[in-house]
PDB file of N, CA and C in Angstrom:
ATOM      1  N   MET A   1      67.450 162.506 110.531  1.00  0.00           N
ATOM      2  CA  MET A   1      68.811 162.452 111.522  1.00  0.00           C
ATOM      3  C   MET A   1      69.244 163.651 112.034  1.00  0.00           C
ATOM      4  N   ARG A   2      69.737 164.403 110.880  1.00  0.00           N
ATOM      5  CA  ARG A   2      70.583 165.553 111.263  1.00  0.00           C
ATOM      6  C   ARG A   2      70.266 166.460 111.644  1.00  0.00           C
ATOM      7  N   ALA A   3      68.598 166.938 111.458  1.00  0.00           N
ATOM      8  CA  ALA A   3      68.045 167.700 111.963  1.00  0.00           C
ATOM      9  C   ALA A   3      67.859 167.210 113.420  1.00  0.00           C
ATOM     10  N   LEU A   4      68.136 166.125 113.968  1.00  0.00           N
ATOM     11  CA  LEU A   4      67.327 165.942 115.273  1.00  0.00           C
ATOM     12  C   LEU A   4      69.132 165.790 116.046  1.00  0.00           C
ATOM     13  N   ALA A   5      69.898 166.033 115.571  1.00  0.00           N
ATOM     14  CA  ALA A   5      71.369 165.763 116.092  1.00  0.00           C
ATOM     15  C   ALA A   5      71.755 167.322 116.209  1.00  0.00           C
ATOM     16  N   LEU A   6      71.338 167.869 115.620  1.00  0.00           N
ATOM     17  CA  LEU A   6      71.644 169.597 115.508  1.00  0.00           C
ATOM     18  C   LEU A   6      70.968 170.086 116.395  1.00  0.00           C
ATOM     19  N   ASP A   7      69.505 170.253 116.449  1.00  0.00           N
ATOM     20  CA  ASP A   7      69.326 170.876 117.223  1.00  0.00           C
ATOM     21  C   ASP A   7      67.389 170.415 117.479  1.00  0.00           C
ATOM     22  N   ALA A   8      66.949 169.289 118.525  1.00  0.00           N
ATOM     23  CA  ALA A   8      65.725 168.126 118.072  1.00  0.00           C
ATOM     24  C   ALA A   8      64.507 169.317 118.701  1.00  0.00           C
ATOM     25  N   SER A   9      65.189 170.749 119.419  1.00  0.00           N
ATOM     26  CA  SER A   9      64.156 171.569 119.850  1.00  0.00           C
ATOM     27  C   SER A   9      63.448 171.972 118.371  1.00  0.00           C
ATOM     28  N   ARG A  10      63.904 172.438 117.810  1.00  0.00           N
ATOM     29  CA  ARG A  10      62.930 173.090 116.122  1.00  0.00           C
ATOM     30  C   ARG A  10      62.715 171.840 115.800  1.00  0.00           C
ATOM     31  N   LEU A  11      61.956 170.438 115.831  1.00  0.00           N
ATOM     32  CA  LEU A  11      61.504 169.619 115.151  1.00  0.00           C
ATOM     33  C   LEU A  11      59.799 169.613 115.916  1.00  0.00           C
ATOM     34  N   ASP A  12      59.289 169.483 114.686  1.00  0.00           N
ATOM     35  CA  ASP A  12      57.750 169.356 115.014  1.00  0.00           C
ATOM     36  C   ASP A  12      57.602 167.728 115.356  1.00  0.00           C
ATOM     37  N   LEU A  13      57.181 167.218 116.388  1.00  0.00           N
ATOM     38  CA  LEU A  13      57.234 166.124 117.210  1.00  0.00           C
ATOM     39  C   LEU A  13      55.889 165.511 117.751  1.00  0.00           C
ATOM     40  N   PRO A  14      55.688 164.473 118.296  1.00  0.00           N
ATOM     41  CA  PRO A  14      55.023 164.441 119.084  1.00  0.00           C
ATOM     42  C   PRO A  14      54.922 164.477 120.105  1.00  0.00           C
ATOM     43  N   ALA A  15      53.813 165.051 121.025  1.00  0.00           N
ATOM     44  CA  ALA A  15      54.445 164.945 122.569  1.00  0.00           C
ATOM     45  C   ALA A  15      55.575 163.466 122.789  1.00  0.00           C
ATOM     46  N   ARG A  16      54.785 162.521 123.104  1.00  0.00           N
ATOM     47  CA  ARG A  16      55.614 160.974 123.486  1.00  0.00           C
ATOM     48  C   ARG A  16      56.838 161.043 122.971  1.00  0.00           C
ATOM     49  N   HIS A  17      57.304 161.612 122.186  1.00  0.00           N
ATOM     50  CA  HIS A  17      58.136 161.483 121.199  1.00  0.00           C
ATOM     51  C   HIS A  17      59.343 162.980 121.744  1.00  0.00           C
ATOM     52  N   ARG A  18      58.910 163.909 122.269  1.00  0.00           N
ATOM     53  CA  ARG A  18      59.183 164.959 122.710  1.00  0.00           C
ATOM     54  C   ARG A  18      59.456 165.111 123.841  1.00  0.00           C
ATOM     55  N   ALA A  19      58.770 163.940 125.364  1.00  0.00           N
ATOM     56  CA  ALA A  19      58.699 163.811 126.444  1.00  0.00           C
ATOM     57  C   ALA A  19      60.432 162.676 126.638  1.00  0.00           C
ATOM     58  N   MET A  20      60.664 162.279 125.611  1.00  0.00           N
ATOM     59  CA  MET A  20      61.219 161.017 125.169  1.00  0.00           C
ATOM     60  C   MET A  20      62.717 161.763 125.455  1.00  0.00           C
ATOM     61  N   LEU A  21      62.807 162.691 124.517  1.00  0.00           N
ATOM     62  CA  LEU A  21      64.218 163.176 123.988  1.00  0.00           C
ATOM     63  C   LEU A  21      64.592 164.138 125.281  1.00  0.00           C
ATOM     64  N   ASN A  22      63.496 164.475 125.874  1.00  0.00           N
ATOM     65  CA  ASN A  22      63.811 165.367 127.476  1.00  0.00           C
ATOM     66  C   ASN A  22      64.313 164.577 128.278  1.00  0.00           C
ATOM     67  N   TRP A  23      63.977 163.491 128.125  1.00  0.00           N
ATOM     68  CA  TRP A  23      64.104 162.897 129.512  1.00  0.00           C
ATOM     69  C   TRP A  23      65.321 161.920 129.089  1.00  0.00           C
ATOM     70  N   CYS A  24      66.168 161.718 128.117  1.00  0.00           N
ATOM     71  CA  CYS A  24      67.152 161.055 127.418  1.00  0.00           C
ATOM     72  C   CYS A  24      68.419 162.280 127.711  1.00  0.00           C
ATOM     73  N   LEU A  25      68.286 163.427 127.550  1.00  0.00           N
ATOM     74  CA  LEU A  25      69.067 164.506 127.525  1.00  0.00           C
ATOM     75  C   LEU A  25      69.407 164.993 128.520  1.00  0.00           C
ATOM     76  N   ARG A  26      67.843 164.789 129.370  1.00  0.00           N
ATOM     77  CA  ARG A  26      68.359 165.057 131.128  1.00  0.00           C
ATOM     78  C   ARG A  26      69.341 163.877 131.731  1.00  0.00           C
ATOM     79  N   LEU A  27      69.625 162.511 131.101  1.00  0.00           N
ATOM     80  CA  LEU A  27      69.733 161.889 131.722  1.00  0.00           C
ATOM     81  C   LEU A  27      70.974 161.444 131.352  1.00  0.00           C
ATOM     82  N   THR A  28      71.339 162.556 129.984  1.00  0.00           N
ATOM     83  CA  THR A  28      72.672 162.173 130.218  1.00  0.00           C
ATOM     84  C   THR A  28      73.656 163.082 130.534  1.00  0.00           C
ATOM     85  N   ARG A  29      72.991 164.669 130.486  1.00  0.00           N
ATOM     86  CA  ARG A  29      73.261 165.631 131.612  1.00  0.00           C
ATOM     87  C   ARG A  29      73.341 165.312 132.951  1.00  0.00           C
ATOM     88  N   SER A  30      72.333 165.096 133.806  1.00  0.00           N
ATOM     89  CA  SER A  30      72.311 164.910 135.145  1.00  0.00           C
ATOM     90  C   SER A  30      71.454 163.648 135.442  1.00  0.00           C
ATOM     91  N   PRO A  31      72.267 162.898 135.214  1.00  0.00           N
ATOM     92  CA  PRO A  31      71.618 161.842 135.851  1.00  0.00           C
ATOM     93  C   PRO A  31      70.347 161.110 136.982  1.00  0.00           C
ATOM     94  N   ALA A  32      70.938 161.828 137.920  1.00  0.00           N
ATOM     95  CA  ALA A  32      70.353 161.732 139.229  1.00  0.00           C
ATOM     96  C   ALA A  32      68.630 163.197 139.439  1.00  0.00           C
ATOM     97  N   ALA A  33      68.943 163.450 138.533  1.00  0.00           N
ATOM     98  CA  ALA A  33      68.030 164.774 138.746  1.00  0.00           C
ATOM     99  C   ALA A  33      66.811 164.326 137.527  1.00  0.00           C
ATOM    100  N   SER A  34      67.094 163.051 136.859  1.00  0.00           N
ATOM    101  CA  SER A  34      66.142 163.044 135.317  1.00  0.00           C
ATOM    102  C   SER A  34      65.419 161.567 136.020  1.00  0.00           C
ATOM    103  N   ALA A  35      65.667 161.110 137.575  1.00  0.00           N
ATOM    104  CA  ALA A  35      64.747 160.014 137.878  1.00  0.00           C
ATOM    105  C   ALA A  35      63.601 160.024 138.061  1.00  0.00           C
ATOM    106  N   ALA A  36      63.039 160.313 139.239  1.00  0.00           N
ATOM    107  CA  ALA A  36      61.319 159.937 138.959  1.00  0.00           C
ATOM    108  C   ALA A  36      60.295 160.696 138.718  1.00  0.00           C
ATOM    109  N   ALA A  37      60.710 161.805 138.406  1.00  0.00           N
ATOM    110  CA  ALA A  37      59.880 162.737 137.525  1.00  0.00           C
ATOM    111  C   ALA A  37      59.763 162.691 136.547  1.00  0.00           C
ATOM    112  N   GLY A  38      61.139 162.319 135.998  1.00  0.00           N
ATOM    113  CA  GLY A  38      60.733 161.832 134.238  1.00  0.00           C
ATOM    114  C   GLY A  38      60.101 160.205 134.140  1.00  0.00           C
ATOM    115  N   VAL A  39      60.405 159.619 135.115  1.00  0.00           N
ATOM    116  CA  VAL A  39      60.060 158.225 134.221  1.00  0.00           C
ATOM    117  C   VAL A  39      58.427 158.630 134.678  1.00  0.00           C
ATOM    118  N   VAL A  40      57.814 159.556 135.811  1.00  0.00           N
ATOM    119  CA  VAL A  40      56.104 159.777 135.522  1.00  0.00           C
ATOM    120  C   VAL A  40      55.821 160.179 134.532  1.00  0.00           C
ATOM    121  N   GLU A  41      56.932 161.641 134.052  1.00  0.00           N
ATOM    122  CA  GLU A  41      55.983 162.257 132.705  1.00  0.00           C
ATOM    123  C   GLU A  41      56.457 161.554 131.900  1.00  0.00           C
ATOM    124  N   LEU A  42      57.473 159.978 131.287  1.00  0.00           N
ATOM    125  CA  LEU A  42      57.107 159.359 130.452  1.00  0.00           C
ATOM    126  C   LEU A  42      55.684 158.396 130.462  1.00  0.00           C
ATOM    127  N   ARG A  43      55.588 157.995 132.002  1.00  0.00           N
ATOM    128  CA  ARG A  43      53.757 156.937 131.838  1.00  0.00           C
ATOM    129  C   ARG A  43      53.274 158.216 131.325  1.00  0.00           C
ATOM    130  N   ASN A  44      53.236 159.564 132.009  1.00  0.00           N
ATOM    131  CA  ASN A  44      52.254 160.362 131.883  1.00  0.00           C
ATOM    132  C   ASN A  44      51.835 160.798 129.948  1.00  0.00           C
ATOM    133  N   VAL A  45      52.705 160.315 129.275  1.00  0.00           N
ATOM    134  CA  VAL A  45      52.511 160.149 127.636  1.00  0.00           C
ATOM    135  C   VAL A  45      52.849 159.322 127.113  1.00  0.00           C
ATOM    136  N   GLY A  46      52.526 158.327 128.084  1.00  0.00           N
ATOM    137  CA  GLY A  46      52.271 156.231 127.398  1.00  0.00           C
ATOM    138  C   GLY A  46      53.162 155.647 127.339  1.00  0.00           C
ATOM    139  N   PHE A  47      54.127 156.185 127.795  1.00  0.00           N
ATOM    140  CA  PHE A  47      54.980 154.517 127.889  1.00  0.00           C
ATOM    141  C   PHE A  47      55.262 154.009 129.171  1.00  0.00           C
ATOM    142  N   ASP A  48      54.971 152.564 128.638  1.00  0.00           N
ATOM    143  CA  ASP A  48      55.065 151.228 129.553  1.00  0.00           C
ATOM    144  C   ASP A  48      56.287 151.386 130.560  1.00  0.00           C
ATOM    145  N   ASP A  49      56.312 150.511 131.602  1.00  0.00           N
ATOM    146  CA  ASP A  49      57.980 150.405 132.725  1.00  0.00           C
ATOM    147  C   ASP A  49      58.496 149.687 131.562  1.00  0.00           C
ATOM    148  N   ARG A  50      58.619 148.584 130.303  1.00  0.00           N
ATOM    149  CA  ARG A  50      59.346 148.141 129.439  1.00  0.00           C
ATOM    150  C   ARG A  50      60.234 149.242 128.754  1.00  0.00           C
ATOM    151  N   ALA A  51      58.830 150.095 128.152  1.00  0.00           N
ATOM    152  CA  ALA A  51      59.376 151.367 127.126  1.00  0.00           C
ATOM    153  C   ALA A  51      60.202 151.848 128.012  1.00  0.00           C
ATOM    154  N   ILE A  52      60.203 152.121 128.999  1.00  0.00           N
ATOM    155  CA  ILE A  52      60.978 152.791 129.808  1.00  0.00           C
ATOM    156  C   ILE A  52      62.296 152.879 130.156  1.00  0.00           C
ATOM    157  N   LEU A  53      62.336 151.401 130.358  1.00  0.00           N
ATOM    158  CA  LEU A  53      63.510 150.563 130.625  1.00  0.00           C
ATOM    159  C   LEU A  53      64.300 150.723 129.521  1.00  0.00           C
ATOM    160  N   ASP A  54      64.085 150.085 128.028  1.00  0.00           N
ATOM    161  CA  ASP A  54      64.931 150.189 126.987  1.00  0.00           C
ATOM    162  C   ASP A  54      65.026 151.669 126.453  1.00  0.00           C
ATOM    163  N   ILE A  55      64.493 152.603 126.809  1.00  0.00           N
ATOM    164  CA  ILE A  55      65.004 154.056 126.748  1.00  0.00           C
ATOM    165  C   ILE A  55      65.613 154.246 127.563  1.00  0.00           C
ATOM    166  N   CYS A  56      66.168 154.480 129.088  1.00  0.00           N
ATOM    167  CA  CYS A  56      67.145 154.197 129.927  1.00  0.00           C
ATOM    168  C   CYS A  56      68.439 153.366 129.531  1.00  0.00           C
ATOM    169  N   HIS A  57      67.695 152.427 129.215  1.00  0.00           N
ATOM    170  CA  HIS A  57      69.221 151.371 128.676  1.00  0.00           C
ATOM    171  C   HIS A  57      69.805 151.950 127.459  1.00  0.00           C
ATOM    172  N   VAL A  58      68.990 152.288 126.048  1.00  0.00           N
ATOM    173  CA  VAL A  58      69.261 153.069 124.639  1.00  0.00           C
ATOM    174  C   VAL A  58      70.698 154.344 125.443  1.00  0.00           C
ATOM    175  N   THR A  59      69.746 155.021 125.928  1.00  0.00           N
ATOM    176  CA  THR A  59      70.443 156.496 126.572  1.00  0.00           C
ATOM    177  C   THR A  59      71.607 155.953 127.479  1.00  0.00           C
ATOM    178  N   ALA A  60      71.862 155.375 127.881  1.00  0.00           N
ATOM    179  CA  ALA A  60      73.095 154.528 129.070  1.00  0.00           C
ATOM    180  C   ALA A  60      73.844 154.176 128.378  1.00  0.00           C
ATOM    181  N   TYR A  61      73.771 153.336 127.367  1.00  0.00           N
ATOM    182  CA  TYR A  61      74.783 152.376 126.645  1.00  0.00           C
ATOM    183  C   TYR A  61      75.378 153.738 125.381  1.00  0.00           C
ATOM    184  N   TYR A  62      74.500 154.314 124.843  1.00  0.00           N
ATOM    185  CA  TYR A  62      75.570 155.378 124.234  1.00  0.00           C
ATOM    186  C   TYR A  62      76.339 156.017 124.863  1.00  0.00           C
ATOM    187  N   ASN A  63      75.840 157.020 125.876  1.00  0.00           N
ATOM    188  CA  ASN A  63      76.537 157.620 127.020  1.00  0.00           C
ATOM    189  C   ASN A  63      77.916 156.717 127.454  1.00  0.00           C
ATOM    190  N   TYR A  64      77.608 155.253 127.710  1.00  0.00           N
ATOM    191  CA  TYR A  64      78.583 154.588 127.902  1.00  0.00           C
ATOM    192  C   TYR A  64      80.057 154.597 126.840  1.00  0.00           C
ATOM    193  N   VAL A  65      79.359 154.277 125.748  1.00  0.00           N
ATOM    194  CA  VAL A  65      80.324 154.258 124.338  1.00  0.00           C
ATOM    195  C   VAL A  65      80.652 155.493 124.131  1.00  0.00           C
ATOM    196  N   ASN A  66      80.032 156.716 123.819  1.00  0.00           N
ATOM    197  CA  ASN A  66      80.659 157.887 123.886  1.00  0.00           C
ATOM    198  C   ASN A  66      82.180 158.632 124.873  1.00  0.00           C
ATOM    199  N   ARG A  67      81.373 158.025 125.952  1.00  0.00           N
ATOM    200  CA  ARG A  67      82.453 158.411 126.916  1.00  0.00           C
ATOM    201  C   ARG A  67      83.849 157.703 126.468  1.00  0.00           C
ATOM    202  N   LEU A  68      83.595 156.268 126.679  1.00  0.00           N
ATOM    203  CA  LEU A  68      84.804 155.539 126.362  1.00  0.00           C
ATOM    204  C   LEU A  68      85.895 156.399 124.939  1.00  0.00           C
ATOM    205  N   ALA A  69      84.599 155.961 124.257  1.00  0.00           N
ATOM    206  CA  ALA A  69      85.642 156.730 122.754  1.00  0.00           C
ATOM    207  C   ALA A  69      85.999 157.774 123.345  1.00  0.00           C
ATOM    208  N   GLU A  70      85.468 159.277 124.180  1.00  0.00           N
ATOM    209  CA  GLU A  70      86.708 160.268 124.079  1.00  0.00           C
ATOM    210  C   GLU A  70      87.058 159.525 125.288  1.00  0.00           C
ATOM    211  N   GLY A  71      87.454 159.295 126.195  1.00  0.00           N
ATOM    212  CA  GLY A  71      88.220 158.863 127.195  1.00  0.00           C
ATOM    213  C   GLY A  71      89.524 158.447 126.380  1.00  0.00           C
ATOM    214  N   LEU A  72      89.751 157.908 125.615  1.00  0.00           N
ATOM    215  CA  LEU A  72      90.493 157.260 124.697  1.00  0.00           C
ATOM    216  C   LEU A  72      90.571 157.898 123.543  1.00  0.00           C
ATOM    217  N   ALA A  73      90.264 158.697 123.321  1.00  0.00           N
ATOM    218  CA  ALA A  73      90.786 159.772 122.305  1.00  0.00           C
ATOM    219  C   ALA A  73      90.316 159.196 120.808  1.00  0.00           C
ATOM    220  N   VAL A  74      89.507 158.381 120.699  1.00  0.00           N
ATOM    221  CA  VAL A  74      89.218 158.136 119.618  1.00  0.00           C
ATOM    222  C   VAL A  74      88.670 158.707 118.189  1.00  0.00           C
ATOM    223  N   GLU A  75      88.996 158.766 117.119  1.00  0.00           N
ATOM    224  CA  GLU A  75      88.253 159.894 116.260  1.00  0.00           C
ATOM    225  C   GLU A  75      87.376 158.892 115.111  1.00  0.00           C
ATOM    226  N   LEU A  76      87.509 159.867 114.589  1.00  0.00           N
ATOM    227  CA  LEU A  76      86.184 159.154 113.446  1.00  0.00           C
ATOM    228  C   LEU A  76      86.838 159.009 112.645  1.00  0.00           C
ATOM    229  N   GLU A  77      86.374 157.872 111.919  1.00  0.00           N
ATOM    230  CA  GLU A  77      87.476 157.495 110.838  1.00  0.00           C
ATOM    231  C   GLU A  77      87.526 158.477 109.058  1.00  0.00           C
ATOM    232  N   ARG A  78      88.755 158.693 108.700  1.00  0.00           N
ATOM    233  CA  ARG A  78      88.965 159.295 107.501  1.00  0.00           C
ATOM    234  C   ARG A  78      87.715 158.726 106.482  1.00  0.00           C
ATOM    235  N   THR A  79      87.881 157.557 106.458  1.00  0.00           N
ATOM    236  CA  THR A  79      87.189 157.229 105.103  1.00  0.00           C
ATOM    237  C   THR A  79      86.101 157.076 105.553  1.00  0.00           C
ATOM    238  N   TRP A  80      85.637 157.949 106.565  1.00  0.00           N
ATOM    239  CA  TRP A  80      83.692 157.489 106.620  1.00  0.00           C
ATOM    240  C   TRP A  80      83.504 158.612 105.589  1.00  0.00           C
ATOM    241  N   ARG A  81      82.335 158.229 104.386  1.00  0.00           N
ATOM    242  CA  ARG A  81      81.871 159.174 104.027  1.00  0.00           C
ATOM    243  C   ARG A  81      80.791 160.116 104.424  1.00  0.00           C
ATOM    244  N   GLU A  82      80.620 161.338 103.909  1.00  0.00           N
ATOM    245  CA  GLU A  82      79.388 162.634 104.636  1.00  0.00           C
ATOM    246  C   GLU A  82      78.111 161.876 104.504  1.00  0.00           C
ATOM    247  N   GLU A  83      77.637 160.943 103.913  1.00  0.00           N
ATOM    248  CA  GLU A  83      76.365 161.049 103.658  1.00  0.00           C
ATOM    249  C   GLU A  83      76.197 159.551 104.650  1.00  0.00           C
ATOM    250  N   ASP A  84      77.365 159.346 105.121  1.00  0.00           N
ATOM    251  CA  ASP A  84      77.135 157.887 105.882  1.00  0.00           C
ATOM    252  C   ASP A  84      76.799 158.369 107.428  1.00  0.00           C
ATOM    253  N   LEU A  85      77.191 159.987 107.747  1.00  0.00           N
ATOM    254  CA  LEU A  85      77.660 160.386 108.983  1.00  0.00           C
ATOM    255  C   LEU A  85      76.268 160.977 109.166  1.00  0.00           C
ATOM    256  N   THR A  86      75.379 160.919 110.688  1.00  0.00           N
ATOM    257  CA  THR A  86      74.437 161.531 111.129  1.00  0.00           C
ATOM    258  C   THR A  86      74.723 163.038 110.797  1.00  0.00           C
ATOM    259  N   LEU A  87      76.114 163.574 111.822  1.00  0.00           N
ATOM    260  CA  LEU A  87      76.168 164.786 111.374  1.00  0.00           C
ATOM    261  C   LEU A  87      77.384 165.152 110.677  1.00  0.00           C
ATOM    262  N   PRO A  88      77.509 165.862 109.363  1.00  0.00           N
ATOM    263  CA  PRO A  88      78.619 166.495 108.673  1.00  0.00           C
ATOM    264  C   PRO A  88      80.136 166.668 109.673  1.00  0.00           C
ATOM    265  N   ARG A  89      80.685 165.836 109.585  1.00  0.00           N
ATOM    266  CA  ARG A  89      82.431 166.130 110.049  1.00  0.00           C
ATOM    267  C   ARG A  89      82.423 167.252 110.370  1.00  0.00           C
ATOM    268  N   ALA A  90      82.171 168.770 109.566  1.00  0.00           N
ATOM    269  CA  ALA A  90      82.886 169.800 110.777  1.00  0.00           C
ATOM    270  C   ALA A  90      81.794 170.307 111.868  1.00  0.00           C
ATOM    271  N   ASP A  91      80.438 169.961 111.575  1.00  0.00           N
ATOM    272  CA  ASP A  91      79.675 170.505 112.476  1.00  0.00           C
ATOM    273  C   ASP A  91      80.388 168.875 113.972  1.00  0.00           C
ATOM    274  N   PHE A  92      80.288 167.827 113.519  1.00  0.00           N
ATOM    275  CA  PHE A  92      80.644 167.214 114.683  1.00  0.00           C
ATOM    276  C   PHE A  92      82.164 167.620 115.614  1.00  0.00           C
ATOM    277  N   GLU A  93      82.934 167.747 114.439  1.00  0.00           N
ATOM    278  CA  GLU A  93      84.224 168.177 115.194  1.00  0.00           C
ATOM    279  C   GLU A  93      84.055 170.134 116.176  1.00  0.00           C
ATOM    280  N   HIS A  94      82.838 170.835 115.460  1.00  0.00           N
ATOM    281  CA  HIS A  94      82.811 172.067 115.897  1.00  0.00           C
ATOM    282  C   HIS A  94      82.193 171.523 117.391  1.00  0.00           C
ATOM    283  N   PHE A  95      80.923 170.618 117.914  1.00  0.00           N
ATOM    284  CA  PHE A  95      80.186 169.914 118.753  1.00  0.00           C
ATOM    285  C   PHE A  95      81.549 169.294 119.716  1.00  0.00           C
ATOM    286  N   GLN A  96      82.014 168.889 118.984  1.00  0.00           N
ATOM    287  CA  GLN A  96      83.123 168.369 120.076  1.00  0.00           C
ATOM    288  C   GLN A  96      84.537 168.934 120.149  1.00  0.00           C
ATOM    289  N   GLY A  97      84.643 169.985 119.572  1.00  0.00           N
ATOM    290  CA  GLY A  97      85.383 171.198 120.803  1.00  0.00           C
ATOM    291  C   GLY A  97      84.985 171.685 121.705  1.00  0.00           C
ATOM    292  N   LEU A  98      83.218 172.293 121.201  1.00  0.00           N
ATOM    293  CA  LEU A  98      82.347 172.565 122.451  1.00  0.00           C
ATOM    294  C   LEU A  98      82.437 172.343 123.948  1.00  0.00           C
ATOM    295  N   MET A  99      82.337 170.938 123.537  1.00  0.00           N
ATOM    296  CA  MET A  99      82.149 169.928 124.780  1.00  0.00           C
ATOM    297  C   MET A  99      83.676 169.541 125.582  1.00  0.00           C
ATOM    298  N   GLN A 100      84.372 169.596 124.835  1.00  0.00           N
ATOM    299  CA  GLN A 100      85.967 169.946 125.551  1.00  0.00           C
ATOM    300  C   GLN A 100      85.997 170.921 126.221  1.00  0.00           C
ATOM    301  N   ARG A 101      85.460 171.974 125.778  1.00  0.00           N
ATOM    302  CA  ARG A 101      86.089 173.492 126.678  1.00  0.00           C
ATOM    303  C   ARG A 101      84.402 173.271 127.472  1.00  0.00           C
ATOM    304  N   GLY A 102      83.458 172.529 127.422  1.00  0.00           N
ATOM    305  CA  GLY A 102      82.619 172.895 128.606  1.00  0.00           C
ATOM    306  C   GLY A 102      81.450 173.006 128.402  1.00  0.00           C
ATOM    307  N   GLY A 103      81.262 173.672 127.122  1.00  0.00           N
ATOM    308  CA  GLY A 103      80.074 174.138 126.323  1.00  0.00           C
ATOM    309  C   GLY A 103      78.844 173.211 126.115  1.00  0.00           C
ATOM    310  N   GLU A 104      77.634 173.522 125.992  1.00  0.00           N
ATOM    311  CA  GLU A 104      76.872 172.941 125.400  1.00  0.00           C
ATOM    312  C   GLU A 104      76.651 172.915 124.128  1.00  0.00           C
ATOM    313  N   ALA A 105      76.146 172.056 123.173  1.00  0.00           N
ATOM    314  CA  ALA A 105      76.287 171.320 121.836  1.00  0.00           C
ATOM    315  C   ALA A 105      75.446 172.449 121.779  1.00  0.00           C
ATOM    316  N   GLY A 106      74.207 172.930 122.307  1.00  0.00           N
ATOM    317  CA  GLY A 106      73.379 173.962 121.539  1.00  0.00           C
ATOM    318  C   GLY A 106      73.369 175.284 121.409  1.00  0.00           C
ATOM    319  N   ALA A 107      74.548 175.627 122.325  1.00  0.00           N
ATOM    320  CA  ALA A 107      75.507 177.220 122.426  1.00  0.00           C
ATOM    321  C   ALA A 107      75.910 177.525 121.325  1.00  0.00           C
TER     322      ALA A 107
END
């Protein structure tokens, strides 16, 4: 999970998983630009309409929750152990700082 969160482009993933992750990123960064072509791409790698709807729901929900937490300045609980986090606390705070300054997480 940590490798996925840090840089999914470096992982050796099946084509359908790569297409799903790419669409989720586009949906997160520019929703309107990902619509029709993204759905076609997902169908081309074997996802049916139900699966595409599920992928869209999960992506939209995570975006909603993250934006809500960011908007309210919610911070990670200091009592959470490093092994319970997808990203180490230092990496999370680094990426959080990049996003606050308008940078890309992969930059």
